[in-house]
C-alpha atoms as a PDB file:
ATOM      1  CA  MET A   1     -15.953  -2.315 -28.891  1.00  0.00           C
ATOM      2  CA  ASN A   2     -13.556  -5.069 -27.437  1.00  0.00           C
ATOM      3  CA  LYS A   3     -13.321  -6.462 -30.770  1.00  0.00           C
ATOM      4  CA  LEU A   4     -12.499  -2.936 -32.595  1.00  0.00           C
ATOM      5  CA  CYS A   5     -10.217  -2.584 -29.790  1.00  0.00           C
ATOM      6  CA  ILE A   6      -8.416  -5.587 -30.572  1.00  0.00           C
ATOM      7  CA  GLU A   7      -8.555  -4.713 -34.284  1.00  0.00           C
ATOM      8  CA  MET A   8      -7.074  -1.317 -33.711  1.00  0.00           C
ATOM      9  CA  THR A   9      -3.976  -2.966 -32.033  1.00  0.00           C
ATOM     10  CA  HIS A  10      -3.132  -5.624 -34.697  1.00  0.00           C
ATOM     11  CA  VAL A  11      -3.109  -3.327 -37.618  1.00  0.00           C
ATOM     12  CA  ARG A  12      -0.536  -0.724 -35.744  1.00  0.00           C
ATOM     13  CA  LYS A  13       2.476  -2.445 -37.271  1.00  0.00           C
ATOM     14  CA  LYS A  14       0.567  -2.745 -41.064  1.00  0.00           C
ATOM     15  CA  LYS A  15       1.304  -1.076 -44.148  1.00  0.00           C
ATOM     16  CA  GLY A  16      -1.109   1.729 -44.234  1.00  0.00           C
ATOM     17  CA  ALA A  17      -1.797   1.424 -40.455  1.00  0.00           C
ATOM     18  CA  LYS A  18      -2.713   4.936 -40.085  1.00  0.00           C
ATOM     19  CA  LYS A  19      -5.600   5.112 -42.855  1.00  0.00           C
ATOM     20  CA  MET A  20      -6.594   1.807 -41.232  1.00  0.00           C
ATOM     21  CA  ARG A  21      -6.372   3.053 -37.814  1.00  0.00           C
ATOM     22  CA  LYS A  22      -8.440   5.925 -38.614  1.00  0.00           C
ATOM     23  CA  LYS A  23     -11.206   3.979 -40.259  1.00  0.00           C
ATOM     24  CA  ILE A  24     -11.849   1.555 -37.275  1.00  0.00           C
ATOM     25  CA  PHE A  25     -11.708   4.843 -34.903  1.00  0.00           C
ATOM     26  CA  ARG A  26     -14.590   6.004 -37.094  1.00  0.00           C
ATOM     27  CA  ARG A  27     -16.224   2.790 -36.381  1.00  0.00           C
ATOM     28  CA  MET A  28     -15.819   3.154 -32.942  1.00  0.00           C
ATOM     29  CA  LYS A  29     -17.384   6.493 -32.415  1.00  0.00           C
ATOM     30  CA  ARG A  30     -20.443   5.094 -34.242  1.00  0.00           C
ATOM     31  CA  LEU A  31     -20.809   2.534 -31.545  1.00  0.00           C
ATOM     32  CA  ALA A  32     -19.944   4.762 -28.996  1.00  0.00           C
ATOM     33  CA  LYS A  33     -22.710   7.249 -29.755  1.00  0.00           C
ATOM     34  CA  THR A  34     -25.079   4.200 -29.639  1.00  0.00           C
ATOM     35  CA  VAL A  35     -24.347   3.301 -26.635  1.00  0.00           C
ATOM     36  CA  GLU A  36     -24.489   6.411 -25.066  1.00  0.00           C
ATOM     37  CA  ASN A  37     -27.565   7.008 -26.513  1.00  0.00           C
ATOM     38  CA  HIS A  38     -28.919   3.449 -24.515  1.00  0.00           C
ATOM     39  CA  ALA A  39     -27.296   4.433 -21.402  1.00  0.00           C
ATOM     40  CA  ARG A  40     -29.056   7.854 -21.409  1.00  0.00           C
ATOM     41  CA  ASN A  41     -32.302   6.351 -21.866  1.00  0.00           C
ATOM     42  CA  TYR A  42     -31.777   3.533 -19.220  1.00  0.00           C
ATOM     43  CA  HIS A  43     -30.411   6.409 -16.575  1.00  0.00           C
ATOM     44  CA  GLN A  44     -33.841   8.446 -16.997  1.00  0.00           C
ATOM     45  CA  PHE A  45     -35.752   5.151 -17.104  1.00  0.00           C
ATOM     46  CA  LEU A  46     -34.193   3.904 -13.822  1.00  0.00           C
ATOM     47  CA  LYS A  47     -34.380   7.478 -12.263  1.00  0.00           C
ATOM     48  CA  SER A  48     -38.051   7.746 -12.702  1.00  0.00           C
ATOM     49  CA  ARG A  49     -39.105   4.058 -12.225  1.00  0.00           C
ATOM     50  CA  TRP A  50     -36.220   2.333  -9.762  1.00  0.00           C
ATOM     51  CA  GLN A  51     -39.486   1.633  -7.419  1.00  0.00           C
ATOM     52  CA  GLU A  52     -40.564  -1.023  -9.519  1.00  0.00           C
ATOM     53  CA  THR A  53     -36.841  -2.715  -9.321  1.00  0.00           C
ATOM     54  CA  ASN A  54     -35.951  -5.330  -6.469  1.00  0.00           C
ATOM     55  CA  TRP A  55     -33.318  -2.533  -5.524  1.00  0.00           C
ATOM     56  CA  SER A  56     -33.560  -0.025  -2.799  1.00  0.00           C
ATOM     57  CA  GLU A  57     -33.062   3.931  -3.394  1.00  0.00           C
ATOM     58  CA  LEU A  58     -29.499   3.589  -2.284  1.00  0.00           C
ATOM     59  CA  GLU A  59     -28.850   0.704  -4.634  1.00  0.00           C
ATOM     60  CA  SER A  60     -30.534   2.543  -7.562  1.00  0.00           C
ATOM     61  CA  LYS A  61     -28.581   5.558  -6.770  1.00  0.00           C
ATOM     62  CA  ALA A  62     -25.199   3.871  -6.879  1.00  0.00           C
ATOM     63  CA  VAL A  63     -25.951   2.414 -10.170  1.00  0.00           C
ATOM     64  CA  LEU A  64     -27.108   5.701 -11.725  1.00  0.00           C
ATOM     65  CA  ASP A  65     -23.885   7.513 -10.163  1.00  0.00           C
ATOM     66  CA  ARG A  66     -21.674   4.846 -12.062  1.00  0.00           C
ATOM     67  CA  LEU A  67     -24.039   5.667 -15.021  1.00  0.00           C
ATOM     68  CA  GLN A  68     -23.398   9.605 -14.743  1.00  0.00           C
ATOM     69  CA  ASN A  69     -20.064   8.992 -14.113  1.00  0.00           C
ATOM     70  CA  ILE A  70     -19.378   7.277 -17.448  1.00  0.00           C
ATOM     71  CA  LEU A  71     -21.873   9.637 -19.881  1.00  0.00           C
ATOM     72  CA  GLY A  72     -20.077  12.836 -18.312  1.00  0.00           C
ATOM     73  CA  GLN A  73     -16.714  11.432 -19.751  1.00  0.00           C
ATOM     74  CA  LEU A  74     -17.198   9.797 -22.398  1.00  0.00           C
ATOM     75  CA  PRO A  75     -17.509  13.004 -24.685  1.00  0.00           C
ATOM     76  CA  GLN A  76     -14.185  14.107 -23.425  1.00  0.00           C
ATOM     77  CA  ALA A  77     -12.581  10.534 -24.245  1.00  0.00           C
ATOM     78  CA  VAL A  78     -13.890  10.502 -27.720  1.00  0.00           C
ATOM     79  CA  HIS A  79     -12.556  13.939 -28.303  1.00  0.00           C
ATOM     80  CA  GLN A  80      -9.078  13.258 -27.030  1.00  0.00           C
ATOM     81  CA  ALA A  81      -9.182  10.266 -29.329  1.00  0.00           C
ATOM     82  CA  HIS A  82     -10.001  12.119 -32.370  1.00  0.00           C
ATOM     83  CA  GLU A  83      -7.226  14.648 -31.502  1.00  0.00           C
ATOM     84  CA  ARG A  84      -4.905  11.871 -31.419  1.00  0.00           C
ATOM     85  CA  LEU A  85      -5.993   9.882 -34.619  1.00  0.00           C
ATOM     86  CA  ILE A  86      -7.842  11.855 -36.819  1.00  0.00           C
ATOM     87  CA  ASP A  87      -6.186  15.332 -36.116  1.00  0.00           C
ATOM     88  CA  GLU A  88      -2.668  13.780 -35.088  1.00  0.00           C
ATOM     89  CA  ARG A  89      -2.095  16.195 -32.388  1.00  0.00           C
ATOM     90  CA  ARG A  90      -0.578  15.069 -28.839  1.00  0.00           C
ATOM     91  CA  VAL A  91      -2.793  15.435 -26.026  1.00  0.00           C
ATOM     92  CA  ALA A  92      -0.544  16.279 -22.663  1.00  0.00           C
ATOM     93  CA  ASN A  93      -1.058  13.208 -20.286  1.00  0.00           C
ATOM     94  CA  LYS A  94      -2.145  15.952 -17.672  1.00  0.00           C
ATOM     95  CA  ASP A  95      -5.465  16.315 -20.077  1.00  0.00           C
ATOM     96  CA  LYS A  96      -5.705  12.700 -20.840  1.00  0.00           C
ATOM     97  CA  ILE A  97      -8.625  10.307 -19.291  1.00  0.00           C
ATOM     98  CA  LEU A  98      -6.339   7.093 -18.695  1.00  0.00           C
ATOM     99  CA  SER A  99      -9.491   5.290 -16.992  1.00  0.00           C
ATOM    100  CA  LEU A 100     -12.998   6.024 -16.898  1.00  0.00           C
ATOM    101  CA  TYR A 101     -13.468   4.358 -13.234  1.00  0.00           C
ATOM    102  CA  GLU A 102     -10.253   5.530 -11.621  1.00  0.00           C
ATOM    103  CA  PRO A 103      -8.954   9.030 -11.723  1.00  0.00           C
ATOM    104  CA  ASP A 104      -5.427   8.481  -9.690  1.00  0.00           C
ATOM    105  CA  ILE A 105      -3.967   7.130 -12.985  1.00  0.00           C
ATOM    106  CA  HIS A 106      -0.788   7.909 -14.579  1.00  0.00           C
ATOM    107  CA  VAL A 107       1.245   7.238 -17.731  1.00  0.00           C
ATOM    108  CA  LEU A 108       4.338   4.695 -16.717  1.00  0.00           C
ATOM    109  CA  LEU A 109       7.335   4.440 -19.304  1.00  0.00           C
ATOM    110  CA  ARG A 110       8.129   1.114 -18.752  1.00  0.00           C
ATOM    111  CA  GLY A 111      10.555   0.258 -21.875  1.00  0.00           C
ATOM    112  CA  LYS A 112       9.105  -3.717 -21.857  1.00  0.00           C
ATOM    113  CA  ALA A 113       9.164  -5.701 -24.926  1.00  0.00           C
ATOM    114  CA  ASP A 114       5.496  -6.558 -25.087  1.00  0.00           C
ATOM    115  CA  ALA A 115       4.072  -3.118 -23.107  1.00  0.00           C
ATOM    116  CA  GLU A 116       6.094  -0.287 -24.081  1.00  0.00           C
ATOM    117  CA  VAL A 117       3.761   2.138 -21.999  1.00  0.00           C
ATOM    118  CA  GLU A 118       1.757   0.988 -18.636  1.00  0.00           C
ATOM    119  CA  PHE A 119      -0.859   3.103 -16.708  1.00  0.00           C
ATOM    120  CA  GLY A 120      -0.720   3.122 -12.869  1.00  0.00           C
ATOM    121  CA  ASN A 121       1.244   3.833  -9.888  1.00  0.00           C
ATOM    122  CA  GLY A 122       4.116   2.401  -8.637  1.00  0.00           C
ATOM    123  CA  LEU A 123       4.387   0.384  -5.627  1.00  0.00           C
ATOM    124  CA  TYR A 124       8.026  -0.635  -4.131  1.00  0.00           C
ATOM    125  CA  LEU A 125       8.217  -3.968  -1.881  1.00  0.00           C
ATOM    126  CA  ALA A 126      11.401  -5.085   0.189  1.00  0.00           C
ATOM    127  CA  GLU A 127      11.041  -8.638   1.220  1.00  0.00           C
ATOM    128  CA  GLN A 128      13.423 -10.474   3.331  1.00  0.00           C
ATOM    129  CA  ILE A 129      14.653 -13.662   2.120  1.00  0.00           C
ATOM    130  CA  ASP A 130      11.551 -15.897   3.838  1.00  0.00           C
ATOM    131  CA  GLU A 131       9.619 -13.349   1.865  1.00  0.00           C
ATOM    132  CA  LEU A 132       8.614 -11.090   4.954  1.00  0.00           C
ATOM    133  CA  ILE A 133       7.740  -7.703   3.710  1.00  0.00           C
ATOM    134  CA  VAL A 134      10.090  -5.432   5.727  1.00  0.00           C
ATOM    135  CA  ASP A 135       9.623  -1.965   3.586  1.00  0.00           C
ATOM    136  CA  TRP A 136       7.104  -0.600   1.188  1.00  0.00           C
ATOM    137  CA  GLN A 137       6.424   2.350  -0.554  1.00  0.00           C
ATOM    138  CA  PHE A 138       3.557   3.910  -2.821  1.00  0.00           C
ATOM    139  CA  ILE A 139       5.036   5.879  -5.692  1.00  0.00           C
ATOM    140  CA  GLU A 140       2.581   8.144  -7.561  1.00  0.00           C
ATOM    141  CA  GLY A 141       3.456   8.503 -11.125  1.00  0.00           C
ATOM    142  CA  GLN A 142       6.711   7.338 -12.735  1.00  0.00           C
ATOM    143  CA  PRO A 143       8.699   5.328 -10.468  1.00  0.00           C
ATOM    144  CA  PRO A 144      12.381   6.210 -10.406  1.00  0.00           C
ATOM    145  CA  GLY A 145      15.011   3.844 -12.407  1.00  0.00           C
ATOM    146  CA  ASP A 146      15.986   0.278 -11.408  1.00  0.00           C
ATOM    147  CA  SER A 147      19.666   1.132 -10.693  1.00  0.00           C
ATOM    148  CA  THR A 148      18.472   4.452  -8.704  1.00  0.00           C
ATOM    149  CA  TRP A 149      15.697   3.026  -6.477  1.00  0.00           C
ATOM    150  CA  PHE A 150      17.751  -0.202  -5.497  1.00  0.00           C
ATOM    151  CA  ALA A 151      20.484   2.448  -4.412  1.00  0.00           C
ATOM    152  CA  THR A 152      18.115   4.127  -2.278  1.00  0.00           C
ATOM    153  CA  ALA A 153      16.592   0.818  -1.112  1.00  0.00           C
ATOM    154  CA  SER A 154      20.028  -0.625   0.094  1.00  0.00           C
ATOM    155  CA  ASN A 155      21.111   2.566   1.735  1.00  0.00           C
ATOM    156  CA  GLY A 156      17.643   2.648   3.734  1.00  0.00           C
ATOM    157  CA  SER A 157      17.590  -0.819   4.640  1.00  0.00           C
ATOM    158  CA  GLN A 158      18.858  -0.486   7.823  1.00  0.00           C
ATOM    159  CA  ASN A 159      16.088   1.655   9.079  1.00  0.00           C
ATOM    160  CA  VAL A 160      13.627  -0.818   8.888  1.00  0.00           C
ATOM    161  CA  THR A 161      15.088  -4.137   9.373  1.00  0.00           C
ATOM    162  CA  ALA A 162      17.162  -3.562  12.555  1.00  0.00           C
ATOM    163  CA  HIS A 163      15.531  -6.039  15.330  1.00  0.00           C
ATOM    164  CA  PRO A 164      14.230  -4.399  18.312  1.00  0.00           C
ATOM    165  CA  LYS A 165      16.786  -6.346  20.555  1.00  0.00           C
ATOM    166  CA  ALA A 166      19.446  -5.941  18.412  1.00  0.00           C
ATOM    167  CA  THR A 167      22.260  -3.600  19.769  1.00  0.00           C
ATOM    168  CA  PRO A 168      23.120  -0.354  17.514  1.00  0.00           C
ATOM    169  CA  ALA A 169      26.627  -1.541  16.709  1.00  0.00           C
ATOM    170  CA  THR A 170      25.421  -5.108  15.718  1.00  0.00           C
ATOM    171  CA  ALA A 171      22.758  -3.666  13.481  1.00  0.00           C
ATOM    172  CA  ALA A 172      24.844  -0.906  12.038  1.00  0.00           C
ATOM    173  CA  SER A 173      27.905  -3.415  11.153  1.00  0.00           C
ATOM    174  CA  THR A 174      25.311  -5.636   9.083  1.00  0.00           C
ATOM    175  CA  VAL A 175      24.251  -2.965   6.590  1.00  0.00           C
ATOM    176  CA  ARG A 176      26.516  -0.573   4.260  1.00  0.00           C
ATOM    177  CA  PRO A 177      26.277   2.966   5.796  1.00  0.00           C
ATOM    178  CA  ALA A 178      24.528   5.387   3.482  1.00  0.00           C
ATOM    179  CA  VAL A 179      27.037   7.299   1.228  1.00  0.00           C
ATOM    180  CA  PRO A 180      26.160  11.126   0.359  1.00  0.00           C
ATOM    181  CA  ALA A 181      24.982  11.723  -3.348  1.00  0.00           C
ATOM    182  CA  SER A 182      27.087  14.411  -3.786  1.00  0.00           C
ATOM    183  CA  LYS A 183      30.374  12.065  -2.784  1.00  0.00           C
ATOM    184  CA  ARG A 184      29.349   9.209  -5.062  1.00  0.00           C
ATOM    185  CA  SER A 185      31.364   8.735  -7.765  1.00  0.00           C
ATOM    186  CA  THR A 186      30.415   6.439 -10.860  1.00  0.00           C
ATOM    187  CA  SER A 187      33.580   4.627 -10.762  1.00  0.00           C
ATOM    188  CA  SER A 188      33.257   3.349  -7.135  1.00  0.00           C
ATOM    189  CA  MET A 189      29.512   2.913  -7.437  1.00  0.00           C
ATOM    190  CA  PRO A 190      28.617  -0.613  -7.226  1.00  0.00           C
ATOM    191  CA  SER A 191      26.631  -2.665  -9.787  1.00  0.00           C
ATOM    192  CA  VAL A 192      22.781  -3.169  -9.853  1.00  0.00           C
ATOM    193  CA  PRO A 193      23.173  -6.880  -9.086  1.00  0.00           C
ATOM    194  CA  ALA A 194      25.801  -6.224  -6.216  1.00  0.00           C
ATOM    195  CA  LEU A 195      23.377  -3.958  -4.612  1.00  0.00           C
ATOM    196  CA  CYS A 196      20.485  -6.379  -4.895  1.00  0.00           C
ATOM    197  CA  ARG A 197      23.073  -8.966  -3.061  1.00  0.00           C
ATOM    198  CA  ASP A 198      24.054  -6.636  -0.500  1.00  0.00           C
ATOM    199  CA  LEU A 199      20.607  -5.701   0.730  1.00  0.00           C
ATOM    200  CA  LYS A 200      19.374  -9.375   1.007  1.00  0.00           C
ATOM    201  CA  ASN A 201      22.561 -10.328   2.631  1.00  0.00           C
ATOM    202  CA  GLY A 202      22.061  -7.182   5.396  1.00  0.00           C
ATOM    203  CA  LEU A 203      18.183  -8.046   5.583  1.00  0.00           C
ATOM    204  CA  ARG A 204      19.338 -11.601   6.431  1.00  0.00           C
ATOM    205  CA  MET A 205      22.069 -10.941   8.837  1.00  0.00           C
ATOM    206  CA  THR A 206      20.414  -8.449  10.989  1.00  0.00           C
ATOM    207  CA  ILE A 207      17.315 -10.175  11.522  1.00  0.00           C
ATOM    208  CA  SER A 208      19.844 -13.233  12.346  1.00  0.00           C
ATOM    209  CA  ALA A 209      21.854 -10.861  14.960  1.00  0.00           C
ATOM    210  CA  GLY A 210      18.119  -9.963  16.567  1.00  0.00           C
ATOM    211  CA  TYR A 211      17.436 -13.734  16.921  1.00  0.00           C
ATOM    212  CA  ARG A 212      20.816 -14.615  18.821  1.00  0.00           C
ATOM    213  CA  SER A 213      19.921 -11.870  21.379  1.00  0.00           C
ATOM    214  CA  GLY A 214      17.207 -13.806  22.609  1.00  0.00           C
ATOM    215  CA  GLU A 215      14.265 -12.784  21.026  1.00  0.00           C
ATOM    216  CA  ASP A 216      11.841 -15.480  19.566  1.00  0.00           C
ATOM    217  CA  ALA A 217      11.236 -15.108  15.827  1.00  0.00           C
ATOM    218  CA  PRO A 218       8.370 -12.915  14.216  1.00  0.00           C
END
């Protein structure tokens, strides 16, 4: 199956790619049916004769559950691919099976040269210059654009970097205060590199202010 998937990828930009992809998919369907039949046979065999193995009942059940998880989704996965490749109909993201093992996966439009689309979720990490993580956020689904996200991170950094011993005045003076979105203008908005630089400088200066107050470094 991996070989067929690689073959499917390589014909994407060739002349007559649509017909070639359909041909490859039909071979995939035949192979998937063979694999499904084998899996059902092994599932039934293990279910009825697990006592003859070296596994405990719980270990056998775990294997059976994993097999059943795949078998239960396989018909829908094949139908989903058939709709897209053979019938040439789009499938809504909410109806797609993106992973047989992890249900909480989303389509992420990245626009990269080597990966236009990725699958998963977003994770934001804010690090100091010494690589200490001072903020994080799990983003379910599509993350916002870089410029929007960096602006949010820069404005919120004062809430996560102020040292316990730093005075409010010192902490506030080291990070630019947030500006309400309604009062921002495109002409006054700093560039993304400037936001990154301000964020790094703010984190560095705030932690330094805490050290000067007499607290030991974390």
